[in-house]
Amino acid sequence: MSHANYLDEPESEEDSSEIPEGEPGNSPVPWHFKAFLVVTVIYLIYRTYQGTEWIIHHFRL
């Protein structure tokens, strides 16, 4: 049993760019997910700053 047809390239470029109906594709990302990512990055930067300040003041000789 050979799976060579699985590894073959698509017959045309049109076939590879089509997404069947009901399949997830290049759907737009919701705005609230982008906002969540921005807020998360800001929070992590703030916590990194806080941790760095704590380490500097805690271990000051």
Foldseek 3Di string as FASTA:
>chain_A
DDPVVVVDDDPDPVVVPDDDPPDDDPDDDDPVVVVVVVVVVVVVVVVVVVVVVCVCVVPPD
